[in-house]
C-alpha atoms as a PDB file:
ATOM      1  CA  UNK A   1     139.475  86.811 101.208  1.00  0.00           C
ATOM      2  CA  UNK A   2     137.791  85.182  98.241  1.00  0.00           C
ATOM      3  CA  UNK A   3     136.418  87.158  95.360  1.00  0.00           C
ATOM      4  CA  UNK A   4     132.764  88.131  95.566  1.00  0.00           C
ATOM      5  CA  UNK A   5     130.773  88.523  92.388  1.00  0.00           C
ATOM      6  CA  UNK A   6     127.255  89.159  93.678  1.00  0.00           C
ATOM      7  CA  UNK A   7     127.175  90.982  97.026  1.00  0.00           C
ATOM      8  CA  UNK A   8     124.439  90.335  99.536  1.00  0.00           C
ATOM      9  CA  UNK A   9     124.783  93.961 100.524  1.00  0.00           C
ATOM     10  CA  UNK A  10     126.251  96.990  98.779  1.00  0.00           C
ATOM     11  CA  UNK A  11     127.138  99.967 100.977  1.00  0.00           C
ATOM     12  CA  UNK A  12     126.819 103.286  99.141  1.00  0.00           C
ATOM     13  CA  UNK A  13     129.086 105.995 100.568  1.00  0.00           C
ATOM     14  CA  UNK A  14     129.103 109.462  98.930  1.00  0.00           C
ATOM     15  CA  UNK A  15     132.395 111.311  99.372  1.00  0.00           C
ATOM     16  CA  UNK A  16     133.101 115.031  99.167  1.00  0.00           C
ATOM     17  CA  UNK A  17     136.383 116.420 100.543  1.00  0.00           C
ATOM     18  CA  UNK A  18     136.861 113.850 103.311  1.00  0.00           C
ATOM     19  CA  UNK A  19     140.592 113.142 102.863  1.00  0.00           C
ATOM     20  CA  UNK A  20     141.346 113.307 106.591  1.00  0.00           C
ATOM     21  CA  UNK A  21     138.721 110.828 107.798  1.00  0.00           C
ATOM     22  CA  UNK A  22     137.902 108.677 104.754  1.00  0.00           C
ATOM     23  CA  UNK A  23     140.487 105.930 105.274  1.00  0.00           C
ATOM     24  CA  UNK A  24     139.426 105.527 108.903  1.00  0.00           C
ATOM     25  CA  UNK A  25     135.742 105.317 107.935  1.00  0.00           C
ATOM     26  CA  UNK A  26     136.328 102.701 105.222  1.00  0.00           C
ATOM     27  CA  UNK A  27     138.630 100.652 107.473  1.00  0.00           C
ATOM     28  CA  UNK A  28     135.865 100.579 110.091  1.00  0.00           C
ATOM     29  CA  UNK A  29     133.338  99.383 107.494  1.00  0.00           C
ATOM     30  CA  UNK A  30     135.675  96.662 106.237  1.00  0.00           C
ATOM     31  CA  UNK A  31     136.135  95.371 109.798  1.00  0.00           C
ATOM     32  CA  UNK A  32     132.413  95.388 110.591  1.00  0.00           C
ATOM     33  CA  UNK A  33     131.258  93.685 107.390  1.00  0.00           C
ATOM     34  CA  UNK A  34     134.069  91.131 107.398  1.00  0.00           C
ATOM     35  CA  UNK A  35     133.244  90.189 111.007  1.00  0.00           C
ATOM     36  CA  UNK A  36     129.577  89.724 110.060  1.00  0.00           C
ATOM     37  CA  UNK A  37     130.649  87.312 107.292  1.00  0.00           C
ATOM     38  CA  UNK A  38     128.318  88.866 104.731  1.00  0.00           C
ATOM     39  CA  UNK A  39     129.281  89.131 101.025  1.00  0.00           C
ATOM     40  CA  UNK A  40     129.612  92.876 100.427  1.00  0.00           C
ATOM     41  CA  UNK A  41     130.841  95.705  98.255  1.00  0.00           C
ATOM     42  CA  UNK A  42     131.671  99.257  99.341  1.00  0.00           C
ATOM     43  CA  UNK A  43     130.761 101.786  96.642  1.00  0.00           C
ATOM     44  CA  UNK A  44     132.653 105.054  97.169  1.00  0.00           C
ATOM     45  CA  UNK A  45     131.017 107.830  95.117  1.00  0.00           C
ATOM     46  CA  UNK A  46     133.478 110.700  94.771  1.00  0.00           C
ATOM     47  CA  UNK A  47     131.376 113.803  94.063  1.00  0.00           C
ATOM     48  CA  UNK A  48     134.073 115.939  92.471  1.00  0.00           C
ATOM     49  CA  UNK A  49     136.201 116.356  95.597  1.00  0.00           C
ATOM     50  CA  UNK A  50     138.814 119.098  95.375  1.00  0.00           C
ATOM     51  CA  UNK A  51     141.117 117.694  98.079  1.00  0.00           C
ATOM     52  CA  UNK A  52     142.994 114.371  98.101  1.00  0.00           C
ATOM     53  CA  UNK A  53     139.879 112.202  98.495  1.00  0.00           C
ATOM     54  CA  UNK A  54     140.300 110.786  94.979  1.00  0.00           C
ATOM     55  CA  UNK A  55     143.800 109.573  95.811  1.00  0.00           C
ATOM     56  CA  UNK A  56     142.594 107.999  99.046  1.00  0.00           C
ATOM     57  CA  UNK A  57     139.824 106.168  97.157  1.00  0.00           C
ATOM     58  CA  UNK A  58     142.307 104.872  94.552  1.00  0.00           C
ATOM     59  CA  UNK A  59     144.579 103.642  97.345  1.00  0.00           C
ATOM     60  CA  UNK A  60     141.766 101.871  99.192  1.00  0.00           C
ATOM     61  CA  UNK A  61     140.434 100.344  95.968  1.00  0.00           C
ATOM     62  CA  UNK A  62     143.887  99.003  95.072  1.00  0.00           C
ATOM     63  CA  UNK A  63     144.338  97.533  98.557  1.00  0.00           C
ATOM     64  CA  UNK A  64     140.874  95.928  98.588  1.00  0.00           C
ATOM     65  CA  UNK A  65     139.979  95.151  94.937  1.00  0.00           C
ATOM     66  CA  UNK A  66     137.371  92.514  95.841  1.00  0.00           C
ATOM     67  CA  UNK A  67     135.499  94.786  98.226  1.00  0.00           C
ATOM     68  CA  UNK A  68     135.803  98.417  97.137  1.00  0.00           C
ATOM     69  CA  UNK A  69     134.580 100.098  93.961  1.00  0.00           C
ATOM     70  CA  UNK A  70     135.494 103.743  93.414  1.00  0.00           C
ATOM     71  CA  UNK A  71     133.115 105.806  91.289  1.00  0.00           C
ATOM     72  CA  UNK A  72     134.151 109.331  90.291  1.00  0.00           C
ATOM     73  CA  UNK A  73     131.744 111.988  89.023  1.00  0.00           C
ATOM     74  CA  UNK A  74     131.709 115.724  88.452  1.00  0.00           C
ATOM     75  CA  UNK A  75     130.388 117.647  91.428  1.00  0.00           C
ATOM     76  CA  UNK A  76     126.613 117.298  91.335  1.00  0.00           C
ATOM     77  CA  UNK A  77     125.655 117.209  95.012  1.00  0.00           C
ATOM     78  CA  UNK A  78     124.946 114.603  97.654  1.00  0.00           C
ATOM     79  CA  UNK A  79     121.616 113.572  96.109  1.00  0.00           C
ATOM     80  CA  UNK A  80     123.107 112.851  92.706  1.00  0.00           C
ATOM     81  CA  UNK A  81     125.953 110.924  94.327  1.00  0.00           C
ATOM     82  CA  UNK A  82     123.690 108.596  96.303  1.00  0.00           C
ATOM     83  CA  UNK A  83     121.449 107.983  93.277  1.00  0.00           C
ATOM     84  CA  UNK A  84     124.526 107.099  91.232  1.00  0.00           C
ATOM     85  CA  UNK A  85     125.550 104.676  93.963  1.00  0.00           C
ATOM     86  CA  UNK A  86     122.083 103.112  94.221  1.00  0.00           C
ATOM     87  CA  UNK A  87     122.007 102.445  90.478  1.00  0.00           C
ATOM     88  CA  UNK A  88     125.455 100.853  90.603  1.00  0.00           C
ATOM     89  CA  UNK A  89     124.403  98.690  93.563  1.00  0.00           C
ATOM     90  CA  UNK A  90     121.354  97.499  91.629  1.00  0.00           C
ATOM     91  CA  UNK A  91     123.537  96.811  88.587  1.00  0.00           C
ATOM     92  CA  UNK A  92     125.548  94.494  90.844  1.00  0.00           C
ATOM     93  CA  UNK A  93     122.297  92.622  91.691  1.00  0.00           C
ATOM     94  CA  UNK A  94     122.830  93.302  95.383  1.00  0.00           C
ATOM     95  CA  UNK A  95     120.037  91.915  97.547  1.00  0.00           C
ATOM     96  CA  UNK A  96     120.340  94.802 100.009  1.00  0.00           C
ATOM     97  CA  UNK A  97     121.591  98.372  99.666  1.00  0.00           C
ATOM     98  CA  UNK A  98     122.825 100.421 102.618  1.00  0.00           C
ATOM     99  CA  UNK A  99     123.630 104.128 102.516  1.00  0.00           C
ATOM    100  CA  UNK A 100     125.789 106.089 104.921  1.00  0.00           C
ATOM    101  CA  UNK A 101     127.882 109.229 104.713  1.00  0.00           C
ATOM    102  CA  UNK A 102     131.685 109.413 104.779  1.00  0.00           C
ATOM    103  CA  UNK A 103     132.047 112.061 107.497  1.00  0.00           C
ATOM    104  CA  UNK A 104     132.011 109.570 110.436  1.00  0.00           C
ATOM    105  CA  UNK A 105     129.176 111.423 112.178  1.00  0.00           C
ATOM    106  CA  UNK A 106     127.449 108.043 112.480  1.00  0.00           C
ATOM    107  CA  UNK A 107     129.916 105.251 113.217  1.00  0.00           C
ATOM    108  CA  UNK A 108     130.019 102.062 111.173  1.00  0.00           C
ATOM    109  CA  UNK A 109     129.497 100.084 114.396  1.00  0.00           C
ATOM    110  CA  UNK A 110     125.874 101.240 114.418  1.00  0.00           C
ATOM    111  CA  UNK A 111     125.268  98.944 111.423  1.00  0.00           C
ATOM    112  CA  UNK A 112     125.042  95.874 113.667  1.00  0.00           C
ATOM    113  CA  UNK A 113     121.600  97.120 114.731  1.00  0.00           C
ATOM    114  CA  UNK A 114     120.412  96.776 111.137  1.00  0.00           C
ATOM    115  CA  UNK A 115     121.920  93.397 110.272  1.00  0.00           C
ATOM    116  CA  UNK A 116     120.553  90.858 109.751  1.00  0.00           C
ATOM    117  CA  UNK A 117     117.299  92.543 108.668  1.00  0.00           C
ATOM    118  CA  UNK A 118     114.228  91.854 110.766  1.00  0.00           C
ATOM    119  CA  UNK A 119     111.643  89.469 109.323  1.00  0.00           C
ATOM    120  CA  UNK A 120     109.629  90.958 106.424  1.00  0.00           C
ATOM    121  CA  UNK A 121     111.427  94.307 106.674  1.00  0.00           C
ATOM    122  CA  UNK A 122     112.092  95.992 103.325  1.00  0.00           C
ATOM    123  CA  UNK A 123     113.286  99.318 104.720  1.00  0.00           C
ATOM    124  CA  UNK A 124     115.122 100.264 107.913  1.00  0.00           C
ATOM    125  CA  UNK A 125     116.318 103.745 108.792  1.00  0.00           C
ATOM    126  CA  UNK A 126     118.237 105.388 111.588  1.00  0.00           C
ATOM    127  CA  UNK A 127     116.898 108.016 113.950  1.00  0.00           C
ATOM    128  CA  UNK A 128     119.591 110.323 115.236  1.00  0.00           C
ATOM    129  CA  UNK A 129     119.169 110.624 119.027  1.00  0.00           C
ATOM    130  CA  UNK A 130     120.619 114.123 118.957  1.00  0.00           C
ATOM    131  CA  UNK A 131     121.841 115.904 115.840  1.00  0.00           C
ATOM    132  CA  UNK A 132     125.105 117.802 115.958  1.00  0.00           C
ATOM    133  CA  UNK A 133     124.515 120.104 113.004  1.00  0.00           C
ATOM    134  CA  UNK A 134     124.347 123.914 112.697  1.00  0.00           C
ATOM    135  CA  UNK A 135     121.141 125.454 114.071  1.00  0.00           C
ATOM    136  CA  UNK A 136     120.044 126.799 110.689  1.00  0.00           C
ATOM    137  CA  UNK A 137     120.215 123.291 109.217  1.00  0.00           C
ATOM    138  CA  UNK A 138     118.183 121.912 112.128  1.00  0.00           C
ATOM    139  CA  UNK A 139     115.609 124.675 111.668  1.00  0.00           C
ATOM    140  CA  UNK A 140     115.200 123.921 107.971  1.00  0.00           C
ATOM    141  CA  UNK A 141     114.907 120.212 108.799  1.00  0.00           C
ATOM    142  CA  UNK A 142     111.955 121.039 111.059  1.00  0.00           C
ATOM    143  CA  UNK A 143     110.304 123.030 108.280  1.00  0.00           C
ATOM    144  CA  UNK A 144     110.686 120.128 105.873  1.00  0.00           C
ATOM    145  CA  UNK A 145     109.366 117.679 108.474  1.00  0.00           C
ATOM    146  CA  UNK A 146     106.257 119.847 108.918  1.00  0.00           C
ATOM    147  CA  UNK A 147     105.793 120.010 105.161  1.00  0.00           C
ATOM    148  CA  UNK A 148     106.060 116.232 104.883  1.00  0.00           C
ATOM    149  CA  UNK A 149     103.401 115.727 107.550  1.00  0.00           C
ATOM    150  CA  UNK A 150     101.171 118.209 105.764  1.00  0.00           C
ATOM    151  CA  UNK A 151     101.551 116.582 102.337  1.00  0.00           C
ATOM    152  CA  UNK A 152     101.940 112.913 103.199  1.00  0.00           C
ATOM    153  CA  UNK A 153     100.548 112.409 106.685  1.00  0.00           C
ATOM    154  CA  UNK A 154     102.506 110.717 109.511  1.00  0.00           C
ATOM    155  CA  UNK A 155     106.202 110.617 108.721  1.00  0.00           C
ATOM    156  CA  UNK A 156     109.256 108.771 109.936  1.00  0.00           C
ATOM    157  CA  UNK A 157     110.969 110.535 112.866  1.00  0.00           C
ATOM    158  CA  UNK A 158     114.184 111.247 110.892  1.00  0.00           C
ATOM    159  CA  UNK A 159     113.082 111.114 107.266  1.00  0.00           C
ATOM    160  CA  UNK A 160     116.391 112.125 105.691  1.00  0.00           C
ATOM    161  CA  UNK A 161     118.773 110.212 107.958  1.00  0.00           C
ATOM    162  CA  UNK A 162     121.827 109.122 105.931  1.00  0.00           C
ATOM    163  CA  UNK A 163     121.930 105.678 107.546  1.00  0.00           C
ATOM    164  CA  UNK A 164     119.415 103.341 105.908  1.00  0.00           C
ATOM    165  CA  UNK A 165     118.974  99.760 104.716  1.00  0.00           C
ATOM    166  CA  UNK A 166     116.844  99.059 101.632  1.00  0.00           C
ATOM    167  CA  UNK A 167     115.828  95.793  99.990  1.00  0.00           C
ATOM    168  CA  UNK A 168     117.119  95.849  96.418  1.00  0.00           C
ATOM    169  CA  UNK A 169     113.959  95.004  94.484  1.00  0.00           C
ATOM    170  CA  UNK A 170     111.873  97.457  96.493  1.00  0.00           C
ATOM    171  CA  UNK A 171     114.527 100.142  95.997  1.00  0.00           C
ATOM    172  CA  UNK A 172     114.426  99.531  92.240  1.00  0.00           C
ATOM    173  CA  UNK A 173     110.636 100.003  92.204  1.00  0.00           C
ATOM    174  CA  UNK A 174     110.800 103.086  94.412  1.00  0.00           C
ATOM    175  CA  UNK A 175     113.386 104.798  92.219  1.00  0.00           C
ATOM    176  CA  UNK A 176     110.897 104.773  89.329  1.00  0.00           C
ATOM    177  CA  UNK A 177     108.754 107.312  91.209  1.00  0.00           C
ATOM    178  CA  UNK A 178     111.516 109.649  92.392  1.00  0.00           C
ATOM    179  CA  UNK A 179     111.286 113.142  90.808  1.00  0.00           C
ATOM    180  CA  UNK A 180     113.999 113.580  88.210  1.00  0.00           C
ATOM    181  CA  UNK A 181     117.085 115.545  89.367  1.00  0.00           C
ATOM    182  CA  UNK A 182     115.599 116.127  92.829  1.00  0.00           C
ATOM    183  CA  UNK A 183     117.853 117.612  95.480  1.00  0.00           C
ATOM    184  CA  UNK A 184     117.111 115.188  98.337  1.00  0.00           C
ATOM    185  CA  UNK A 185     116.199 111.789  96.842  1.00  0.00           C
ATOM    186  CA  UNK A 186     116.447 110.064 100.225  1.00  0.00           C
ATOM    187  CA  UNK A 187     113.395 111.997 101.450  1.00  0.00           C
ATOM    188  CA  UNK A 188     111.406 110.926  98.388  1.00  0.00           C
ATOM    189  CA  UNK A 189     112.621 107.349  98.740  1.00  0.00           C
ATOM    190  CA  UNK A 190     111.437 107.213 102.347  1.00  0.00           C
ATOM    191  CA  UNK A 191     107.996 108.363 101.169  1.00  0.00           C
ATOM    192  CA  UNK A 192     107.908 105.746  98.408  1.00  0.00           C
ATOM    193  CA  UNK A 193     109.077 102.985 100.727  1.00  0.00           C
ATOM    194  CA  UNK A 194     106.349 104.016 103.180  1.00  0.00           C
ATOM    195  CA  UNK A 195     103.739 103.594 100.477  1.00  0.00           C
ATOM    196  CA  UNK A 196     105.027 100.291  99.111  1.00  0.00           C
ATOM    197  CA  UNK A 197     105.647  98.708 102.504  1.00  0.00           C
ATOM    198  CA  UNK A 198     102.197  99.613 103.766  1.00  0.00           C
ATOM    199  CA  UNK A 199     100.410  98.521 100.599  1.00  0.00           C
ATOM    200  CA  UNK A 200     102.074  95.114 101.002  1.00  0.00           C
ATOM    201  CA  UNK A 201     101.863  95.062 104.801  1.00  0.00           C
ATOM    202  CA  UNK A 202     105.628  95.029 105.328  1.00  0.00           C
ATOM    203  CA  UNK A 203     106.843  96.835 108.458  1.00  0.00           C
ATOM    204  CA  UNK A 204     109.518  99.516 108.387  1.00  0.00           C
ATOM    205  CA  UNK A 205     112.110  99.574 111.153  1.00  0.00           C
ATOM    206  CA  UNK A 206     113.598 102.615 112.874  1.00  0.00           C
ATOM    207  CA  UNK A 207     116.771 102.216 114.938  1.00  0.00           C
ATOM    208  CA  UNK A 208     118.176 104.922 117.174  1.00  0.00           C
ATOM    209  CA  UNK A 209     121.747 105.820 116.225  1.00  0.00           C
ATOM    210  CA  UNK A 210     124.322 108.108 117.800  1.00  0.00           C
ATOM    211  CA  UNK A 211     125.218 111.219 115.815  1.00  0.00           C
ATOM    212  CA  UNK A 212     128.553 112.949 116.453  1.00  0.00           C
ATOM    213  CA  UNK A 213     129.959 116.370 115.670  1.00  0.00           C
ATOM    214  CA  UNK A 214     131.828 116.657 112.377  1.00  0.00           C
ATOM    215  CA  UNK A 215     135.536 116.486 113.189  1.00  0.00           C
ATOM    216  CA  UNK A 216     137.007 116.941 109.711  1.00  0.00           C
ATOM    217  CA  UNK A 217     136.042 117.572 106.118  1.00  0.00           C
ATOM    218  CA  UNK A 218     134.025 120.236 104.357  1.00  0.00           C
ATOM    219  CA  UNK A 219     130.215 120.430 104.566  1.00  0.00           C
ATOM    220  CA  UNK A 220     128.740 120.224 101.072  1.00  0.00           C
ATOM    221  CA  UNK A 221     126.179 122.922 101.939  1.00  0.00           C
ATOM    222  CA  UNK A 222     127.258 126.188 103.558  1.00  0.00           C
ATOM    223  CA  UNK A 223     125.658 129.571 104.134  1.00  0.00           C
ATOM    224  CA  UNK A 224     122.213 130.616 105.360  1.00  0.00           C
ATOM    225  CA  UNK A 225     120.950 131.811 101.974  1.00  0.00           C
ATOM    226  CA  UNK A 226     122.168 128.649 100.308  1.00  0.00           C
ATOM    227  CA  UNK A 227     120.282 126.556 102.877  1.00  0.00           C
ATOM    228  CA  UNK A 228     117.119 128.629 102.476  1.00  0.00           C
ATOM    229  CA  UNK A 229     117.232 128.267  98.680  1.00  0.00           C
ATOM    230  CA  UNK A 230     117.612 124.526  99.110  1.00  0.00           C
ATOM    231  CA  UNK A 231     114.661 124.469 101.495  1.00  0.00           C
ATOM    232  CA  UNK A 232     112.493 126.201  98.887  1.00  0.00           C
ATOM    233  CA  UNK A 233     113.656 123.809  96.205  1.00  0.00           C
ATOM    234  CA  UNK A 234     112.904 120.761  98.379  1.00  0.00           C
ATOM    235  CA  UNK A 235     109.464 122.209  99.169  1.00  0.00           C
ATOM    236  CA  UNK A 236     108.690 122.571  95.475  1.00  0.00           C
ATOM    237  CA  UNK A 237     109.893 119.046  94.726  1.00  0.00           C
ATOM    238  CA  UNK A 238     107.849 117.532  97.553  1.00  0.00           C
ATOM    239  CA  UNK A 239     104.720 119.292  96.341  1.00  0.00           C
ATOM    240  CA  UNK A 240     105.375 117.973  92.828  1.00  0.00           C
ATOM    241  CA  UNK A 241     105.861 114.472  94.227  1.00  0.00           C
ATOM    242  CA  UNK A 242     102.547 114.681  96.084  1.00  0.00           C
ATOM    243  CA  UNK A 243     100.793 115.918  92.951  1.00  0.00           C
ATOM    244  CA  UNK A 244     102.148 112.976  90.950  1.00  0.00           C
ATOM    245  CA  UNK A 245     100.802 110.408  93.396  1.00  0.00           C
ATOM    246  CA  UNK A 246      97.256 111.808  93.366  1.00  0.00           C
ATOM    247  CA  UNK A 247      96.484 109.287  90.619  1.00  0.00           C
ATOM    248  CA  UNK A 248      97.923 106.467  92.707  1.00  0.00           C
ATOM    249  CA  UNK A 249      96.409 104.935  95.861  1.00  0.00           C
ATOM    250  CA  UNK A 250      96.756 107.173  98.901  1.00  0.00           C
ATOM    251  CA  UNK A 251      99.602 106.535 101.309  1.00  0.00           C
ATOM    252  CA  UNK A 252      98.231 104.566 104.284  1.00  0.00           C
ATOM    253  CA  UNK A 253      99.271 105.093 107.850  1.00  0.00           C
ATOM    254  CA  UNK A 254     102.872 104.029 108.344  1.00  0.00           C
ATOM    255  CA  UNK A 255     103.449 100.564 109.807  1.00  0.00           C
ATOM    256  CA  UNK A 256     106.615 101.441 111.674  1.00  0.00           C
ATOM    257  CA  UNK A 257     108.444  99.590 114.440  1.00  0.00           C
ATOM    258  CA  UNK A 258     110.818 101.837 116.404  1.00  0.00           C
ATOM    259  CA  UNK A 259     113.581  99.859 118.076  1.00  0.00           C
END
């Protein structure tokens, strides 16, 4: 495998205590992307894992130095990890940025639905056919979905799905409008992409993906009260985001193609 300097796509994968499944997940991604013959980098963002995830990342990086970049940070949460990864991907001048999680709840094989990108598409996101998450998390997701419809109008069917493809330049522009230190930047990014894509008449694509039960690892968010506090925080941040765009053109109806 020849060395790649500028990737066509950078895959951002946040990692938190996934020692048992991480090597399998990364091996799957290496197989998929190599078979597609696309210049790529895998950015593994270790969010202060307390298990052996760091060692696994070092091992994978050493075995695949042209394809894997390990980034280690103090524990700051999933949102901070993905933002760190997005910035690194943009530093690499990657044309496309893809984000997925490291828990294997959505298999790497689902990526073939997203690649190559459809004509004119700047943003493509997954829609989980059925979510295998705790009921309290699903309930809070419904509350946030209602809030998004109330504040921003029609929304994507799975606004916070951690399986999304973003065009690099559009991602860079969208990040400028993301509330600082927000808990769930992917929700805000979906809103910003909706605005930019519709202003420029670029369609967004939604692909159905299969979601599986978590087999290993440690959820980064646990406990009912913790989830409720997060819900309140996300509500506050979404309201602030809506307030900040009052001075900008309104968000038109989404031009979305569901596939």
